[in-house]
Amino acid sequence: MSDFENLEHLLTLGKITRREFIERAAALGLAAMASPLLFSTPAKAAAPKKGGRLRIGASDGSTTDSLDPATTTGAMMATVIYGQLGNSLVEINHKSEPVPELAESWESSPDAKTWTFRLRKGVEFHNGKTLDADDVIWSINHHRGKESKSAAKSIVDPIADIRKDGKDTVIFTLNGGNADFPYIMSDYHLVIMPKDSKPDAGIFTGAYVLKKFEPGVRTFATKNPNYFKSDRGHFDEVETLTISDVNARTNALKTGQIDVMNRCELKTVRFLKQSKDLQVMQQNGTRHHTFAMRCDTAPYDNNHIRLALKYAIDRKQMVKTILRGYGVVGNDHPISQANRYHASELEQRQYDPDKAKFHLKKAGIGKAEFRLYAADAAYVGAVDAGVLYKESAAKAGINIEVVREPNDGYWNNVWLKKPWCAVYWNGRPTEDMMFSTAYKADSPWNDTFWNHERFNKLLAEARAELDEKKRRSMYVEMQRIVRDEGGVVVPMFAADLSAATRKIAHGPLAVNAELDGYRAPERWWFA
């Protein structure tokens, strides 16, 4: 990242003011490079206004979508359940810090094994029930237990016990210390529901009340008059439409049929930037694109095959061609430069057809032929990325057949099913959350079906380690293990690019997930 790009990044995150941006750019002799679009967003120009209908065009909606937060897999439903209808105990702000939401405060024991959360008083569910400790315990337990199929099961497994101390206090006892536990309570699956309700009933505490839900088509919600945050939930109505095709989303935004779209087409985003009626929002965080190999399925159960495929991809070309420069190369592990314990000291894996051939020979297979399953539902440009991969791998004598799958149902019919497929991850605010969600041996979302004894041991130990230096050393080793022995190819980390009409205003953007941490409907307003 250049000095100027770094300044732009800091400004976008709200880490520096506009004045500081101009002064630093001038000192570097770069002030003339600054785009007027950096300063034209009305987000900080005026106090939020109330009213209006927000219309969102979202990718990756599916006819299999559910209102049960345990099943949320994509941006469409995360923006609906977590960004409109519900709340967790904790939320992540634009500085990637955990801040109180349904909990008004928390504290831990010295060993970080016992955490006490005090609930905000007077919060009402959409059905009129008042939030209490029983609701929190029931909601978290929905994701626990041997029979749970929740995507959050792996991150709540370390909870040994949950009990209440009165109606407004919940005490969590963990199997081991975890200094990051408040971050876990911010996960978008851990939305609090009324005790004994149907998990897919759509009854939560959020800024908007569900009125209509058509899976894979449309959701419609109206303002919650009893919302506990007086400075959030500015719109009267929110309509969220599934528009899987990026060109259709772009046209809908340009013609005024929607107000906001996610995942801009990187080939044409420059034209959106040039429009006087539109704005493009860039979030540089933890989002990454992967090609996941099932380590329980031949030939991907052979690490030499996995290494051959890791050396056969041209990462720099991927970033240049697929991301159009809106990102950085990956190093075959999921921890980004934005994460606290990113292993910058690990040698960057380079495109090397000769090393790919070496590992193929070590694997002892005959024909090096593989099928890669992809769809743009995985991420915009996933199919093109597969074709680019095919071209670079051919120089190593590897033949990759790119199988284009339908967008609808991709996350149910391809991901976790096919032996090698394209995937996107928003990443997580902490290393423990990312590794526990997608790399822990028994995690439901371990999409490489990878089981590494040393890695699993380190994961438990690092979570409980309170010595900063030792903890970092553990996470660095885990990144090395995933890079060299894991089943995932991570060629690139991508910036999240969304676009909106200039009538939309917002504050500094959170980078923990797209669309302002999925909270755009709750946080944004019409200027």
Protein backbone atom coordinates (compact mmCIF):
# COMPACT_ATOMS: atom_id res chain seq x y z
CA MET A 1 0.00 0.00 0.00
CA SER A 2 1.46 3.40 -0.99
CA ASP A 3 1.76 6.33 1.44
CA PHE A 4 -1.18 8.04 -0.25
CA GLU A 5 -3.35 4.90 -0.21
CA ASN A 6 -2.54 4.48 3.47
CA LEU A 7 -3.71 8.04 4.16
CA GLU A 8 -6.93 7.36 2.23
CA HIS A 9 -7.42 4.20 4.29
CA LEU A 10 -6.96 6.06 7.58
CA LEU A 11 -9.39 8.76 6.48
CA THR A 12 -11.99 6.18 5.47
CA LEU A 13 -11.68 4.47 8.85
CA GLY A 14 -12.09 7.79 10.65
CA LYS A 15 -8.61 7.41 12.21
CA ILE A 16 -7.57 10.87 10.97
CA THR A 17 -9.55 14.03 10.24
CA ARG A 18 -9.91 15.64 6.83
CA ARG A 19 -7.59 18.41 7.94
CA GLU A 20 -4.95 15.88 9.03
CA PHE A 21 -5.36 14.08 5.70
CA ILE A 22 -4.73 17.28 3.72
CA GLU A 23 -1.76 18.28 5.88
CA ARG A 24 -0.09 14.87 5.60
CA ALA A 25 -0.78 14.61 1.87
CA ALA A 26 0.69 18.09 1.36
CA ALA A 27 3.79 17.10 3.31
CA LEU A 28 4.23 14.17 0.94
CA GLY A 29 3.58 16.36 -2.09
CA LEU A 30 0.45 14.36 -2.86
CA ALA A 31 -2.39 16.76 -2.07
CA ALA A 32 -3.32 17.14 -5.72
CA MET A 33 -4.01 13.40 -5.94
CA ALA A 34 -6.89 13.58 -3.47
CA SER A 35 -10.24 12.76 -5.06
CA PRO A 36 -13.08 15.18 -4.29
CA LEU A 37 -15.17 12.07 -3.55
CA LEU A 38 -13.19 11.57 -0.34
CA PHE A 39 -14.62 14.79 1.04
CA SER A 40 -18.01 14.96 -0.62
CA THR A 41 -19.89 12.35 1.44
CA PRO A 42 -22.41 14.17 3.60
CA ALA A 43 -21.94 11.66 6.42
CA LYS A 44 -20.44 14.12 8.91
CA ALA A 45 -21.87 17.31 7.49
CA ALA A 46 -25.18 17.34 9.33
CA ALA A 47 -27.10 15.63 12.10
CA PRO A 48 -29.04 12.52 11.04
CA LYS A 49 -32.50 13.07 9.64
CA LYS A 50 -35.44 10.80 10.24
CA GLY A 51 -37.78 9.25 7.69
CA GLY A 52 -37.95 7.69 4.24
CA ARG A 53 -37.74 4.17 2.83
CA LEU A 54 -34.29 2.66 2.40
CA ARG A 55 -34.07 0.22 -0.52
CA ILE A 56 -31.10 -2.17 -0.51
CA GLY A 57 -30.05 -4.34 -3.43
CA ALA A 58 -28.15 -7.26 -1.88
CA SER A 59 -26.19 -10.16 -3.31
CA ASP A 60 -26.37 -13.83 -2.28
CA GLY A 61 -29.99 -14.06 -1.17
CA SER A 62 -31.38 -17.56 -1.63
CA THR A 63 -34.73 -19.34 -1.61
CA THR A 64 -33.29 -21.44 1.23
CA ASP A 65 -32.78 -18.40 3.50
CA SER A 66 -34.20 -18.52 7.02
CA LEU A 67 -34.83 -15.99 9.78
CA ASP A 68 -33.11 -18.30 12.27
CA PRO A 69 -29.86 -16.43 13.06
CA ALA A 70 -28.06 -19.74 13.52
CA THR A 71 -28.34 -20.38 9.78
CA THR A 72 -27.16 -17.01 8.47
CA THR A 73 -24.49 -17.45 5.80
CA GLY A 74 -24.51 -14.40 3.51
CA ALA A 75 -24.69 -10.62 3.40
CA MET A 76 -28.38 -10.54 2.51
CA MET A 77 -29.62 -12.23 5.68
CA ALA A 78 -26.91 -10.78 7.91
CA THR A 79 -27.99 -7.29 6.85
CA VAL A 80 -31.63 -8.22 7.55
CA ILE A 81 -31.31 -10.08 10.86
CA TYR A 82 -28.29 -8.33 12.36
CA GLY A 83 -28.58 -4.96 10.63
CA GLN A 84 -32.33 -4.37 10.88
CA LEU A 85 -34.21 -6.77 13.12
CA GLY A 86 -31.88 -7.76 15.92
CA ASN A 87 -29.09 -6.98 18.34
CA SER A 88 -26.36 -8.88 20.14
CA LEU A 89 -24.96 -8.24 23.60
CA VAL A 90 -22.01 -6.41 22.04
CA GLU A 91 -21.38 -4.60 18.76
CA ILE A 92 -18.17 -3.62 16.94
CA ASN A 93 -17.63 0.07 16.24
CA HIS A 94 -15.74 1.75 13.41
CA LYS A 95 -12.48 1.43 15.37
CA SER A 96 -12.99 -2.36 15.57
CA GLU A 97 -13.61 -2.10 19.30
CA PRO A 98 -16.29 -4.04 21.21
CA VAL A 99 -18.88 -1.64 22.65
CA PRO A 100 -22.06 -2.27 24.69
CA GLU A 101 -25.30 -3.07 22.88
CA LEU A 102 -27.92 -5.16 24.72
CA ALA A 103 -25.36 -5.42 27.50
CA GLU A 104 -24.65 -2.07 29.11
CA SER A 105 -21.37 -3.26 30.67
CA TRP A 106 -19.22 -6.32 31.36
CA GLU A 107 -16.30 -7.38 33.50
CA SER A 108 -14.14 -10.47 33.84
CA SER A 109 -12.33 -12.38 36.52
CA PRO A 110 -8.52 -11.95 36.57
CA ASP A 111 -8.05 -15.21 34.64
CA ALA A 112 -10.68 -14.22 32.02
CA LYS A 113 -12.63 -17.44 32.68
CA THR A 114 -15.70 -15.80 34.22
CA TRP A 115 -17.49 -12.95 32.47
CA THR A 116 -20.35 -10.95 33.95
CA PHE A 117 -22.65 -9.03 31.59
CA ARG A 118 -25.15 -6.50 32.94
CA LEU A 119 -28.10 -6.04 30.62
CA ARG A 120 -29.57 -2.78 29.44
CA LYS A 121 -32.87 -2.16 31.23
CA GLY A 122 -36.16 -1.45 29.51
CA VAL A 123 -35.35 -3.06 26.13
CA GLU A 124 -38.44 -4.54 24.44
CA PHE A 125 -38.78 -7.29 21.87
CA HIS A 126 -41.01 -6.67 18.86
CA ASN A 127 -43.77 -8.66 20.57
CA GLY A 128 -43.70 -6.36 23.61
CA LYS A 129 -41.82 -8.65 25.98
CA THR A 130 -39.12 -6.99 28.10
CA LEU A 131 -35.59 -8.36 27.67
CA ASP A 132 -34.19 -10.25 30.64
CA ALA A 133 -31.42 -12.70 31.50
CA ASP A 134 -33.54 -15.75 30.62
CA ASP A 135 -33.81 -14.54 27.02
CA VAL A 136 -30.04 -14.16 26.73
CA ILE A 137 -29.36 -17.60 28.20
CA TRP A 138 -31.95 -19.26 25.95
CA SER A 139 -30.64 -17.46 22.83
CA ILE A 140 -26.99 -18.40 23.41
CA ASN A 141 -27.95 -21.98 24.26
CA HIS A 142 -29.67 -22.18 20.87
CA HIS A 143 -26.17 -22.35 19.38
CA ARG A 144 -24.70 -24.79 21.92
CA GLY A 145 -24.91 -28.53 22.41
CA LYS A 146 -24.09 -31.63 20.39
CA GLU A 147 -27.20 -31.36 18.22
CA SER A 148 -26.68 -27.71 17.29
CA LYS A 149 -26.14 -27.01 13.60
CA SER A 150 -25.42 -23.34 14.24
CA ALA A 151 -22.60 -21.63 12.39
CA ALA A 152 -21.66 -20.11 15.77
CA LYS A 153 -21.39 -23.45 17.56
CA SER A 154 -17.60 -23.50 17.47
CA ILE A 155 -17.19 -20.07 19.05
CA VAL A 156 -19.62 -20.77 21.90
CA ASP A 157 -18.33 -24.28 22.62
CA PRO A 158 -15.79 -22.91 25.17
CA ILE A 159 -18.74 -21.76 27.33
CA ALA A 160 -19.00 -24.26 30.18
CA ASP A 161 -21.98 -22.68 31.92
CA ILE A 162 -24.39 -19.74 31.70
CA ARG A 163 -26.42 -18.59 34.67
CA LYS A 164 -28.29 -15.52 35.76
CA ASP A 165 -27.81 -13.36 38.82
CA GLY A 166 -31.15 -11.61 38.95
CA LYS A 167 -33.12 -10.65 35.86
CA ASP A 168 -30.56 -8.20 34.47
CA THR A 169 -27.23 -10.01 34.93
CA VAL A 170 -25.80 -12.98 33.01
CA ILE A 171 -22.63 -14.81 34.10
CA PHE A 172 -20.63 -16.89 31.62
CA THR A 173 -18.14 -19.46 32.88
CA LEU A 174 -15.64 -20.61 30.24
CA ASN A 175 -13.59 -23.79 29.98
CA GLY A 176 -10.50 -21.60 29.83
CA GLY A 177 -9.60 -17.95 29.88
CA ASN A 178 -10.51 -15.83 26.86
CA ALA A 179 -9.52 -12.18 26.83
CA ASP A 180 -11.51 -11.72 23.59
CA PHE A 181 -14.83 -12.98 24.90
CA PRO A 182 -16.73 -9.66 24.38
CA TYR A 183 -15.85 -9.90 20.67
CA ILE A 184 -17.49 -13.32 20.53
CA MET A 185 -20.69 -11.86 21.94
CA SER A 186 -20.77 -9.46 18.98
CA ASP A 187 -21.05 -12.25 16.40
CA TYR A 188 -23.91 -11.69 13.96
CA HIS A 189 -25.36 -15.13 14.67
CA LEU A 190 -25.70 -14.45 18.40
CA VAL A 191 -28.74 -12.20 18.07
CA ILE A 192 -30.94 -12.29 21.17
CA MET A 193 -34.47 -13.72 20.86
CA PRO A 194 -37.35 -14.08 23.36
CA LYS A 195 -37.12 -17.23 25.45
CA ASP A 196 -39.05 -20.21 24.03
CA SER A 197 -39.87 -18.42 20.77
CA LYS A 198 -39.49 -20.06 17.37
CA PRO A 199 -35.95 -19.17 16.21
CA ASP A 200 -37.22 -18.41 12.69
CA ALA A 201 -40.12 -16.22 13.87
CA GLY A 202 -38.22 -13.00 13.17
CA ILE A 203 -38.94 -11.52 16.62
CA PHE A 204 -35.98 -9.58 17.96
CA THR A 205 -35.14 -6.21 19.59
CA GLY A 206 -33.82 -4.29 16.59
CA ALA A 207 -34.50 -0.94 14.98
CA TYR A 208 -37.02 -2.39 12.52
CA VAL A 209 -39.95 -4.78 12.82
CA LEU A 210 -40.39 -7.47 10.15
CA LYS A 211 -43.53 -7.16 8.04
CA LYS A 212 -42.82 -9.46 5.10
CA PHE A 213 -40.23 -12.12 4.31
CA GLU A 214 -39.94 -13.79 0.89
CA PRO A 215 -36.79 -15.96 0.97
CA GLY A 216 -34.44 -15.18 -1.87
CA VAL A 217 -36.69 -12.34 -3.07
CA ARG A 218 -37.52 -9.57 -0.61
CA THR A 219 -37.85 -8.51 3.01
CA PHE A 220 -39.77 -5.49 4.25
CA ALA A 221 -39.53 -3.95 7.72
CA THR A 222 -40.84 -0.82 9.42
CA LYS A 223 -39.42 1.41 12.13
CA ASN A 224 -39.57 0.11 15.70
CA PRO A 225 -41.16 2.96 17.71
CA ASN A 226 -39.79 1.49 20.95
CA TYR A 227 -36.17 1.05 19.86
CA PHE A 228 -33.75 1.54 22.73
CA LYS A 229 -31.19 3.49 20.67
CA SER A 230 -32.47 7.00 20.09
CA ASP A 231 -29.57 7.80 17.74
CA ARG A 232 -30.10 4.81 15.42
CA GLY A 233 -32.82 3.45 13.17
CA HIS A 234 -33.50 6.64 11.22
CA PHE A 235 -35.53 5.27 8.31
CA ASP A 236 -39.30 4.72 8.44
CA GLU A 237 -39.06 1.59 6.30
CA VAL A 238 -36.39 -0.74 4.94
CA GLU A 239 -36.86 -2.90 1.86
CA THR A 240 -34.13 -5.43 1.05
CA LEU A 241 -34.14 -7.03 -2.39
CA THR A 242 -32.15 -10.01 -3.58
CA ILE A 243 -30.36 -8.94 -6.75
CA SER A 244 -27.69 -11.57 -7.26
CA ASP A 245 -26.40 -10.29 -10.60
CA VAL A 246 -23.97 -7.43 -10.04
CA ASN A 247 -24.87 -5.73 -13.31
CA ALA A 248 -28.55 -5.80 -12.37
CA ARG A 249 -27.70 -4.30 -8.96
CA THR A 250 -25.65 -1.58 -10.61
CA ASN A 251 -28.40 -0.71 -13.09
CA ALA A 252 -30.98 -0.64 -10.29
CA LEU A 253 -28.85 1.87 -8.39
CA LYS A 254 -28.15 4.03 -11.43
CA THR A 255 -31.84 4.16 -12.37
CA GLY A 256 -33.02 4.98 -8.85
CA GLN A 257 -34.74 1.65 -8.14
CA ILE A 258 -32.57 1.10 -5.05
CA ASP A 259 -30.61 3.41 -2.77
CA VAL A 260 -27.75 1.10 -1.76
CA MET A 261 -25.95 -1.87 -3.30
CA ASN A 262 -23.20 -4.10 -1.97
CA ARG A 263 -20.30 -5.71 -3.85
CA CYS A 264 -19.74 -3.35 -6.73
CA GLU A 265 -18.51 -4.68 -10.05
CA LEU A 266 -14.81 -3.83 -9.88
CA LYS A 267 -14.50 -3.59 -13.65
CA THR A 268 -16.95 -0.70 -13.78
CA VAL A 269 -16.78 0.86 -10.31
CA ARG A 270 -14.82 3.81 -11.72
CA PHE A 271 -17.94 4.90 -13.60
CA LEU A 272 -19.93 4.93 -10.37
CA LYS A 273 -17.21 7.07 -8.80
CA GLN A 274 -17.53 9.56 -11.64
CA SER A 275 -21.29 10.02 -11.17
CA LYS A 276 -22.36 13.20 -9.39
CA ASP A 277 -25.42 11.36 -8.05
CA LEU A 278 -23.65 8.34 -6.55
CA GLN A 279 -21.00 7.59 -3.94
CA VAL A 280 -18.75 4.57 -3.49
CA MET A 281 -17.81 3.41 0.01
CA GLN A 282 -14.61 1.42 0.49
CA GLN A 283 -13.92 -0.69 3.60
CA ASN A 284 -10.44 -2.18 3.99
CA GLY A 285 -10.74 -4.91 6.56
CA THR A 286 -10.65 -8.68 6.93
CA ARG A 287 -12.61 -9.83 3.87
CA HIS A 288 -10.82 -12.52 1.89
CA HIS A 289 -11.46 -14.80 -1.08
CA THR A 290 -10.50 -18.44 -0.92
CA PHE A 291 -10.51 -21.74 -2.78
CA ALA A 292 -11.36 -24.39 -0.19
CA MET A 293 -10.21 -28.00 -0.64
CA ARG A 294 -11.83 -30.80 1.37
CA CYS A 295 -8.95 -32.50 3.17
CA ASP A 296 -11.12 -35.56 3.80
CA THR A 297 -11.54 -36.18 0.08
CA ALA A 298 -8.96 -37.47 -2.41
CA PRO A 299 -6.81 -36.09 -3.89
CA TYR A 300 -6.95 -33.10 -1.51
CA ASP A 301 -6.15 -35.33 1.47
CA ASN A 302 -2.56 -35.25 0.16
CA ASN A 303 -0.70 -32.13 1.33
CA HIS A 304 1.62 -32.25 -1.68
CA ILE A 305 -1.44 -31.79 -3.91
CA ARG A 306 -2.55 -28.86 -1.77
CA LEU A 307 0.90 -27.27 -1.91
CA ALA A 308 1.08 -27.77 -5.67
CA LEU A 309 -2.17 -25.87 -6.10
CA LYS A 310 -0.99 -23.13 -3.73
CA TYR A 311 2.17 -22.58 -5.79
CA ALA A 312 0.20 -22.71 -9.06
CA ILE A 313 -1.77 -19.50 -8.48
CA ASP A 314 -0.54 -16.06 -9.49
CA ARG A 315 -1.72 -13.91 -6.56
CA LYS A 316 -0.46 -10.60 -7.87
CA GLN A 317 -2.28 -11.16 -11.13
CA MET A 318 -5.43 -12.04 -9.19
CA VAL A 319 -5.34 -8.76 -7.25
CA LYS A 320 -4.63 -6.79 -10.40
CA THR A 321 -7.22 -8.48 -12.61
CA ILE A 322 -10.01 -9.66 -10.30
CA LEU A 323 -9.82 -6.96 -7.62
CA ARG A 324 -8.63 -4.20 -9.97
CA GLY A 325 -6.13 -3.26 -7.30
CA TYR A 326 -8.76 -3.00 -4.53
CA GLY A 327 -6.99 -5.41 -2.23
CA VAL A 328 -3.73 -7.14 -1.31
CA VAL A 329 -2.27 -10.60 -1.90
CA GLY A 330 -3.02 -13.37 0.57
CA ASN A 331 -0.60 -15.88 2.04
CA ASP A 332 -2.85 -18.96 2.36
CA HIS A 333 -4.12 -18.13 5.84
CA PRO A 334 -7.14 -16.02 6.85
CA ILE A 335 -5.53 -13.42 9.14
CA SER A 336 -5.42 -9.99 7.50
CA GLN A 337 -3.12 -7.03 7.97
CA ALA A 338 -5.96 -5.41 9.91
CA ASN A 339 -5.86 -8.14 12.56
CA ARG A 340 -3.92 -7.66 15.77
CA TYR A 341 -1.62 -10.69 15.45
CA HIS A 342 -1.08 -10.75 11.69
CA ALA A 343 2.11 -12.72 10.95
CA SER A 344 3.92 -10.18 8.80
CA GLU A 345 7.17 -12.10 9.36
CA LEU A 346 5.98 -15.13 7.37
CA GLU A 347 7.53 -15.35 3.94
CA GLN A 348 5.02 -14.46 1.23
CA ARG A 349 4.24 -17.46 -0.97
CA GLN A 350 4.98 -16.64 -4.60
CA TYR A 351 3.70 -18.03 -7.88
CA ASP A 352 6.18 -20.81 -8.70
CA PRO A 353 5.23 -23.39 -11.39
CA ASP A 354 8.47 -25.34 -10.76
CA LYS A 355 7.62 -25.84 -7.07
CA ALA A 356 4.11 -26.82 -8.09
CA LYS A 357 5.57 -29.49 -10.38
CA PHE A 358 7.87 -30.65 -7.57
CA HIS A 359 4.96 -31.24 -5.20
CA LEU A 360 2.92 -32.94 -7.91
CA LYS A 361 5.78 -35.36 -8.42
CA LYS A 362 5.97 -35.95 -4.66
CA ALA A 363 2.23 -36.67 -4.64
CA GLY A 364 2.79 -39.43 -7.16
CA ILE A 365 -0.41 -38.88 -9.15
CA GLY A 366 -0.81 -39.52 -12.85
CA LYS A 367 -2.82 -36.78 -14.53
CA ALA A 368 -2.97 -33.48 -12.68
CA GLU A 369 -6.63 -32.75 -13.39
CA PHE A 370 -8.94 -30.97 -10.96
CA ARG A 371 -12.44 -29.52 -10.91
CA LEU A 372 -12.98 -26.13 -9.32
CA TYR A 373 -16.60 -25.19 -8.56
CA ALA A 374 -17.48 -21.49 -8.59
CA ALA A 375 -20.26 -18.94 -8.96
CA ASP A 376 -20.41 -15.20 -8.58
CA ALA A 377 -22.58 -15.85 -5.52
CA ALA A 378 -19.29 -16.75 -3.83
CA TYR A 379 -17.92 -13.29 -4.66
CA VAL A 380 -18.06 -10.96 -7.63
CA GLY A 381 -15.56 -12.29 -10.16
CA ALA A 382 -15.25 -15.78 -8.66
CA VAL A 383 -15.74 -17.51 -12.00
CA ASP A 384 -13.23 -15.18 -13.68
CA ALA A 385 -10.83 -15.91 -10.82
CA GLY A 386 -11.21 -19.61 -11.52
CA VAL A 387 -10.38 -19.07 -15.19
CA LEU A 388 -7.32 -17.00 -14.28
CA TYR A 389 -6.26 -19.76 -11.87
CA LYS A 390 -6.66 -22.31 -14.67
CA GLU A 391 -4.34 -20.27 -16.92
CA SER A 392 -1.57 -19.88 -14.33
CA ALA A 393 -1.80 -23.53 -13.23
CA ALA A 394 -1.44 -24.75 -16.82
CA LYS A 395 2.20 -23.59 -16.77
CA ALA A 396 2.80 -26.15 -14.03
CA GLY A 397 1.16 -28.92 -16.03
CA ILE A 398 -2.04 -28.69 -13.98
CA ASN A 399 -5.39 -28.81 -15.74
CA ILE A 400 -8.22 -27.10 -13.83
CA GLU A 401 -11.76 -27.43 -15.12
CA VAL A 402 -13.80 -24.49 -13.85
CA VAL A 403 -17.39 -25.62 -13.22
CA ARG A 404 -19.82 -22.71 -13.17
CA GLU A 405 -22.58 -23.32 -10.64
CA PRO A 406 -25.94 -21.50 -10.32
CA ASN A 407 -25.92 -18.51 -7.98
CA ASP A 408 -29.14 -19.57 -6.27
CA GLY A 409 -28.47 -22.19 -3.65
CA TYR A 410 -24.67 -21.98 -3.95
CA TRP A 411 -24.13 -21.89 -0.19
CA ASN A 412 -26.39 -24.91 0.35
CA ASN A 413 -25.53 -27.03 -2.66
CA VAL A 414 -21.85 -26.32 -3.36
CA TRP A 415 -20.09 -24.90 -0.30
CA LEU A 416 -19.26 -27.65 2.23
CA LYS A 417 -20.39 -30.16 -0.39
CA LYS A 418 -18.06 -30.03 -3.41
CA PRO A 419 -14.42 -31.07 -2.93
CA TRP A 420 -12.95 -27.77 -4.18
CA CYS A 421 -14.86 -24.52 -4.47
CA ALA A 422 -14.67 -20.72 -4.39
CA VAL A 423 -15.58 -19.07 -1.09
CA TYR A 424 -15.60 -15.61 0.46
CA TRP A 425 -15.12 -14.79 4.12
CA ASN A 426 -15.73 -11.47 5.80
CA GLY A 427 -13.11 -12.45 8.32
CA ARG A 428 -13.50 -11.84 12.03
CA PRO A 429 -12.26 -9.11 14.36
CA THR A 430 -10.03 -11.53 16.28
CA GLU A 431 -7.77 -14.41 15.32
CA ASP A 432 -9.53 -16.75 17.73
CA MET A 433 -12.93 -16.09 16.18
CA MET A 434 -11.67 -16.63 12.63
CA PHE A 435 -9.78 -19.80 13.43
CA SER A 436 -12.55 -21.18 15.67
CA THR A 437 -15.21 -20.52 13.04
CA ALA A 438 -13.50 -21.97 9.99
CA TYR A 439 -10.45 -24.05 10.99
CA LYS A 440 -11.23 -25.74 14.30
CA ALA A 441 -11.63 -29.48 13.70
CA ASP A 442 -15.27 -29.79 14.74
CA SER A 443 -16.54 -26.42 13.50
CA PRO A 444 -19.65 -26.65 11.27
CA TRP A 445 -18.03 -24.08 8.97
CA ASN A 446 -14.67 -25.83 8.70
CA ASP A 447 -15.04 -25.86 4.91
CA THR A 448 -11.75 -27.67 4.32
CA PHE A 449 -12.69 -30.48 6.76
CA TRP A 450 -9.17 -30.09 8.12
CA ASN A 451 -8.05 -31.64 11.40
CA HIS A 452 -4.59 -30.72 12.67
CA GLU A 453 -3.68 -31.82 16.20
CA ARG A 454 -1.03 -29.17 16.85
CA PHE A 455 -3.24 -26.40 15.47
CA ASN A 456 -6.22 -27.41 17.61
CA LYS A 457 -4.01 -27.53 20.71
CA LEU A 458 -2.58 -24.08 20.02
CA LEU A 459 -6.05 -22.66 19.40
CA ALA A 460 -7.19 -23.62 22.89
CA GLU A 461 -3.95 -22.46 24.51
CA ALA A 462 -3.76 -19.11 22.73
CA ARG A 463 -7.32 -18.27 23.71
CA ALA A 464 -6.42 -18.61 27.39
CA GLU A 465 -2.94 -17.07 27.20
CA LEU A 466 -2.85 -13.63 28.81
CA ASP A 467 0.85 -12.95 28.13
CA GLU A 468 0.81 -10.79 24.98
CA LYS A 469 4.17 -11.97 23.62
CA LYS A 470 3.40 -15.66 24.08
CA ARG A 471 -0.06 -15.25 22.62
CA ARG A 472 1.27 -13.58 19.49
CA SER A 473 3.84 -16.34 19.04
CA MET A 474 1.07 -18.94 19.13
CA TYR A 475 -1.07 -17.15 16.55
CA VAL A 476 1.94 -16.71 14.26
CA GLU A 477 2.62 -20.45 14.42
CA MET A 478 -1.03 -21.18 13.67
CA GLN A 479 -0.91 -18.97 10.59
CA ARG A 480 2.20 -20.82 9.43
CA ILE A 481 0.55 -24.20 9.96
CA VAL A 482 -2.54 -23.18 7.96
CA ARG A 483 -0.36 -21.73 5.20
CA ASP A 484 1.85 -24.81 4.85
CA GLU A 485 -0.46 -27.67 5.81
CA GLY A 486 -4.02 -26.38 5.56
CA GLY A 487 -6.55 -27.04 2.83
CA VAL A 488 -7.22 -23.47 1.80
CA VAL A 489 -5.78 -21.32 -0.97
CA VAL A 490 -6.08 -17.65 0.08
CA PRO A 491 -4.93 -15.63 -2.93
CA MET A 492 -6.26 -12.21 -1.91
CA PHE A 493 -7.81 -9.93 0.67
CA ALA A 494 -10.42 -7.69 -0.89
CA ALA A 495 -11.71 -4.26 0.01
CA ASP A 496 -15.47 -4.14 0.45
CA LEU A 497 -16.97 -1.78 -2.11
CA SER A 498 -20.58 -0.71 -1.81
CA ALA A 499 -22.34 2.18 -3.53
CA ALA A 500 -25.26 4.43 -2.75
CA THR A 501 -27.14 7.46 -3.88
CA ARG A 502 -25.65 10.71 -2.56
CA LYS A 503 -28.84 11.17 -0.60
CA ILE A 504 -27.46 8.58 1.81
CA ALA A 505 -25.33 9.80 4.72
CA HIS A 506 -23.32 7.89 7.30
CA GLY A 507 -20.56 8.19 9.86
CA PRO A 508 -17.16 6.46 9.83
CA LEU A 509 -17.57 2.94 8.47
CA ALA A 510 -16.93 -0.21 10.47
CA VAL A 511 -14.67 -2.66 8.63
CA ASN A 512 -15.58 -5.93 10.37
CA ALA A 513 -18.09 -6.74 7.59
CA GLU A 514 -19.50 -5.14 4.46
CA LEU A 515 -22.20 -2.47 4.57
CA ASP A 516 -20.80 -0.88 7.72
CA GLY A 517 -20.49 -4.14 9.64
CA TYR A 518 -23.91 -5.20 8.23
CA ARG A 519 -25.39 -2.29 10.20
CA ALA A 520 -26.08 0.16 7.34
CA PRO A 521 -29.90 0.06 7.82
CA GLU A 522 -29.53 0.89 11.49
CA ARG A 523 -26.70 3.45 11.26
CA TRP A 524 -27.30 5.34 8.00
CA TRP A 525 -29.86 8.00 7.09
CA PHE A 526 -31.10 10.21 4.25
CA ALA A 527 -29.34 13.58 4.20
